[in-house]
Amino acid sequence: MKSASRIVILSLVALGLAACATQQQPDYTPPASKRLDAKTTLENRR
């Protein structure tokens, strides 16, 4: 019974450490602008 409780406690500690692990920083760069096709370019006279 002691070994089962140790396994449970160690798994909870491991889960706690995994939850506190460093996370990837969000990417705040703006998305690339859409390229206009030929028809839209002619219609907008760009």
PDB file of N, CA and C in Angstrom:
ATOM      1  N   MET A   1       0.828  -1.193   0.000  1.00  0.00           N
ATOM      2  CA  MET A   1       0.000   0.000   0.000  1.00  0.00           C
ATOM      3  C   MET A   1       0.870   1.254   0.000  1.00  0.00           C
ATOM      4  N   LYS A   2       2.002   1.183   0.692  1.00  0.00           N
ATOM      5  CA  LYS A   2       2.883   2.344   0.739  1.00  0.00           C
ATOM      6  C   LYS A   2       3.441   2.657  -0.645  1.00  0.00           C
ATOM      7  N   SER A   3       3.770   1.621  -1.406  1.00  0.00           N
ATOM      8  CA  SER A   3       4.336   1.870  -2.735  1.00  0.00           C
ATOM      9  C   SER A   3       3.287   2.482  -3.665  1.00  0.00           C
ATOM     10  N   ALA A   4       2.040   2.076  -3.536  1.00  0.00           N
ATOM     11  CA  ALA A   4       0.982   2.656  -4.370  1.00  0.00           C
ATOM     12  C   ALA A   4       0.774   4.120  -4.022  1.00  0.00           C
ATOM     13  N   SER A   5       0.807   4.458  -2.755  1.00  0.00           N
ATOM     14  CA  SER A   5       0.629   5.854  -2.365  1.00  0.00           C
ATOM     15  C   SER A   5       1.834   6.688  -2.803  1.00  0.00           C
ATOM     16  N   ARG A   6       3.025   6.099  -2.776  1.00  0.00           N
ATOM     17  CA  ARG A   6       4.215   6.821  -3.254  1.00  0.00           C
ATOM     18  C   ARG A   6       4.110   7.090  -4.747  1.00  0.00           C
ATOM     19  N   ILE A   7       3.611   6.113  -5.490  1.00  0.00           N
ATOM     20  CA  ILE A   7       3.461   6.298  -6.931  1.00  0.00           C
ATOM     21  C   ILE A   7       2.454   7.398  -7.225  1.00  0.00           C
ATOM     22  N   VAL A   8       1.373   7.437  -6.472  1.00  0.00           N
ATOM     23  CA  VAL A   8       0.359   8.475  -6.664  1.00  0.00           C
ATOM     24  C   VAL A   8       0.935   9.845  -6.337  1.00  0.00           C
ATOM     25  N   ILE A   9       1.654   9.939  -5.242  1.00  0.00           N
ATOM     26  CA  ILE A   9       2.240  11.228  -4.838  1.00  0.00           C
ATOM     27  C   ILE A   9       3.282  11.675  -5.856  1.00  0.00           C
ATOM     28  N   LEU A  10       4.140  10.762  -6.300  1.00  0.00           N
ATOM     29  CA  LEU A  10       5.158  11.128  -7.290  1.00  0.00           C
ATOM     30  C   LEU A  10       4.531  11.527  -8.622  1.00  0.00           C
ATOM     31  N   SER A  11       3.443  10.869  -9.000  1.00  0.00           N
ATOM     32  CA  SER A  11       2.793  11.255 -10.253  1.00  0.00           C
ATOM     33  C   SER A  11       2.142  12.628 -10.130  1.00  0.00           C
ATOM     34  N   LEU A  12       1.595  12.955  -8.970  1.00  0.00           N
ATOM     35  CA  LEU A  12       1.029  14.289  -8.764  1.00  0.00           C
ATOM     36  C   LEU A  12       2.114  15.364  -8.790  1.00  0.00           C
ATOM     37  N   VAL A  13       3.258  15.057  -8.212  1.00  0.00           N
ATOM     38  CA  VAL A  13       4.381  16.002  -8.253  1.00  0.00           C
ATOM     39  C   VAL A  13       4.854  16.186  -9.695  1.00  0.00           C
ATOM     40  N   ALA A  14       4.935  15.087 -10.440  1.00  0.00           N
ATOM     41  CA  ALA A  14       5.364  15.182 -11.838  1.00  0.00           C
ATOM     42  C   ALA A  14       4.368  15.996 -12.659  1.00  0.00           C
ATOM     43  N   LEU A  15       3.085  15.809 -12.413  1.00  0.00           N
ATOM     44  CA  LEU A  15       2.084  16.603 -13.119  1.00  0.00           C
ATOM     45  C   LEU A  15       2.173  18.080 -12.748  1.00  0.00           C
ATOM     46  N   GLY A  16       2.467  18.347 -11.497  1.00  0.00           N
ATOM     47  CA  GLY A  16       2.630  19.732 -11.070  1.00  0.00           C
ATOM     48  C   GLY A  16       3.824  20.393 -11.722  1.00  0.00           C
ATOM     49  N   LEU A  17       4.909  19.649 -11.843  1.00  0.00           N
ATOM     50  CA  LEU A  17       6.092  20.196 -12.514  1.00  0.00           C
ATOM     51  C   LEU A  17       5.828  20.410 -14.000  1.00  0.00           C
ATOM     52  N   ALA A  18       5.106  19.505 -14.603  1.00  0.00           N
ATOM     53  CA  ALA A  18       4.794  19.657 -16.023  1.00  0.00           C
ATOM     54  C   ALA A  18       3.894  20.870 -16.251  1.00  0.00           C
ATOM     55  N   ALA A  19       3.001  21.143 -15.327  1.00  0.00           N
ATOM     56  CA  ALA A  19       2.110  22.295 -15.469  1.00  0.00           C
ATOM     57  C   ALA A  19       2.869  23.608 -15.322  1.00  0.00           C
ATOM     58  N   CYS A  20       3.939  23.601 -14.558  1.00  0.00           N
ATOM     59  CA  CYS A  20       4.716  24.816 -14.328  1.00  0.00           C
ATOM     60  C   CYS A  20       5.860  24.980 -15.326  1.00  0.00           C
ATOM     61  N   ALA A  21       5.994  24.070 -16.261  1.00  0.00           N
ATOM     62  CA  ALA A  21       7.081  24.148 -17.238  1.00  0.00           C
ATOM     63  C   ALA A  21       6.919  25.409 -18.077  1.00  0.00           C
ATOM     64  N   THR A  22       8.029  25.861 -18.639  1.00  0.00           N
ATOM     65  CA  THR A  22       7.980  27.074 -19.449  1.00  0.00           C
ATOM     66  C   THR A  22       7.137  26.830 -20.681  1.00  0.00           C
ATOM     67  N   GLN A  23       6.322  27.824 -21.007  1.00  0.00           N
ATOM     68  CA  GLN A  23       5.450  27.721 -22.162  1.00  0.00           C
ATOM     69  C   GLN A  23       5.992  28.600 -23.262  1.00  0.00           C
ATOM     70  N   GLN A  24       5.609  28.277 -24.488  1.00  0.00           N
ATOM     71  CA  GLN A  24       6.049  29.032 -25.640  1.00  0.00           C
ATOM     72  C   GLN A  24       5.451  30.430 -25.609  1.00  0.00           C
ATOM     73  N   GLN A  25       6.249  31.420 -25.929  1.00  0.00           N
ATOM     74  CA  GLN A  25       5.768  32.788 -25.956  1.00  0.00           C
ATOM     75  C   GLN A  25       4.877  32.996 -27.174  1.00  0.00           C
ATOM     76  N   PRO A  26       3.788  33.751 -27.047  1.00  0.00           N
ATOM     77  CA  PRO A  26       2.906  33.985 -28.197  1.00  0.00           C
ATOM     78  C   PRO A  26       3.599  34.837 -29.256  1.00  0.00           C
ATOM     79  N   ASP A  27       3.244  34.620 -30.489  1.00  0.00           N
ATOM     80  CA  ASP A  27       3.821  35.348 -31.619  1.00  0.00           C
ATOM     81  C   ASP A  27       2.932  36.548 -31.929  1.00  0.00           C
ATOM     82  N   TYR A  28       3.462  37.758 -31.743  1.00  0.00           N
ATOM     83  CA  TYR A  28       2.679  38.975 -31.946  1.00  0.00           C
ATOM     84  C   TYR A  28       2.961  39.647 -33.283  1.00  0.00           C
ATOM     85  N   THR A  29       3.687  38.992 -34.173  1.00  0.00           N
ATOM     86  CA  THR A  29       3.962  39.608 -35.467  1.00  0.00           C
ATOM     87  C   THR A  29       2.676  39.632 -36.295  1.00  0.00           C
ATOM     88  N   PRO A  30       2.443  40.715 -37.014  1.00  0.00           N
ATOM     89  CA  PRO A  30       1.206  40.797 -37.810  1.00  0.00           C
ATOM     90  C   PRO A  30       1.255  39.820 -38.982  1.00  0.00           C
ATOM     91  N   PRO A  31       0.106  39.326 -39.402  1.00  0.00           N
ATOM     92  CA  PRO A  31       0.088  38.402 -40.541  1.00  0.00           C
ATOM     93  C   PRO A  31       0.471  39.129 -41.823  1.00  0.00           C
ATOM     94  N   ALA A  32       0.966  38.381 -42.780  1.00  0.00           N
ATOM     95  CA  ALA A  32       1.366  38.969 -44.052  1.00  0.00           C
ATOM     96  C   ALA A  32       0.130  39.490 -44.775  1.00  0.00           C
ATOM     97  N   SER A  33       0.312  40.575 -45.509  1.00  0.00           N
ATOM     98  CA  SER A  33      -0.825  41.140 -46.226  1.00  0.00           C
ATOM     99  C   SER A  33      -1.188  40.242 -47.410  1.00  0.00           C
ATOM    100  N   LYS A  34      -2.479  40.260 -47.735  1.00  0.00           N
ATOM    101  CA  LYS A  34      -2.945  39.437 -48.849  1.00  0.00           C
ATOM    102  C   LYS A  34      -2.478  40.032 -50.163  1.00  0.00           C
ATOM    103  N   ARG A  35      -2.055  39.148 -51.056  1.00  0.00           N
ATOM    104  CA  ARG A  35      -1.701  39.615 -52.394  1.00  0.00           C
ATOM    105  C   ARG A  35      -2.972  39.724 -53.215  1.00  0.00           C
ATOM    106  N   LEU A  36      -3.061  40.787 -53.968  1.00  0.00           N
ATOM    107  CA  LEU A  36      -4.238  40.996 -54.801  1.00  0.00           C
ATOM    108  C   LEU A  36      -4.031  40.315 -56.149  1.00  0.00           C
ATOM    109  N   ASP A  37      -5.093  39.712 -56.657  1.00  0.00           N
ATOM    110  CA  ASP A  37      -4.992  39.102 -57.980  1.00  0.00           C
ATOM    111  C   ASP A  37      -5.127  40.180 -59.052  1.00  0.00           C
ATOM    112  N   ALA A  38      -4.944  39.792 -60.298  1.00  0.00           N
ATOM    113  CA  ALA A  38      -4.926  40.755 -61.401  1.00  0.00           C
ATOM    114  C   ALA A  38      -6.268  41.468 -61.544  1.00  0.00           C
ATOM    115  N   LYS A  39      -7.365  40.749 -61.401  1.00  0.00           N
ATOM    116  CA  LYS A  39      -8.685  41.363 -61.567  1.00  0.00           C
ATOM    117  C   LYS A  39      -8.925  42.424 -60.505  1.00  0.00           C
ATOM    118  N   THR A  40      -8.607  42.120 -59.258  1.00  0.00           N
ATOM    119  CA  THR A  40      -8.809  43.082 -58.171  1.00  0.00           C
ATOM    120  C   THR A  40      -7.902  44.292 -58.369  1.00  0.00           C
ATOM    121  N   THR A  41      -6.685  44.067 -58.818  1.00  0.00           N
ATOM    122  CA  THR A  41      -5.765  45.176 -59.045  1.00  0.00           C
ATOM    123  C   THR A  41      -6.302  46.104 -60.127  1.00  0.00           C
ATOM    124  N   LEU A  42      -6.830  45.530 -61.204  1.00  0.00           N
ATOM    125  CA  LEU A  42      -7.381  46.366 -62.270  1.00  0.00           C
ATOM    126  C   LEU A  42      -8.631  47.115 -61.805  1.00  0.00           C
ATOM    127  N   GLU A  43      -9.463  46.456 -61.009  1.00  0.00           N
ATOM    128  CA  GLU A  43     -10.690  47.101 -60.539  1.00  0.00           C
ATOM    129  C   GLU A  43     -10.395  48.220 -59.559  1.00  0.00           C
ATOM    130  N   ASN A  44      -9.380  48.068 -58.731  1.00  0.00           N
ATOM    131  CA  ASN A  44      -9.045  49.088 -57.729  1.00  0.00           C
ATOM    132  C   ASN A  44      -8.035  50.087 -58.247  1.00  0.00           C
ATOM    133  N   ARG A  45      -7.522  49.871 -59.428  1.00  0.00           N
ATOM    134  CA  ARG A  45      -6.516  50.740 -60.074  1.00  0.00           C
ATOM    135  C   ARG A  45      -5.308  50.950 -59.162  1.00  0.00           C
ATOM    136  N   ARG A  46      -4.807  49.867 -58.640  1.00  0.00           N
ATOM    137  CA  ARG A  46      -3.597  49.958 -57.800  1.00  0.00           C
ATOM    138  C   ARG A  46      -2.391  49.653 -58.627  1.00  0.00           C
TER     139      ARG A  46
END
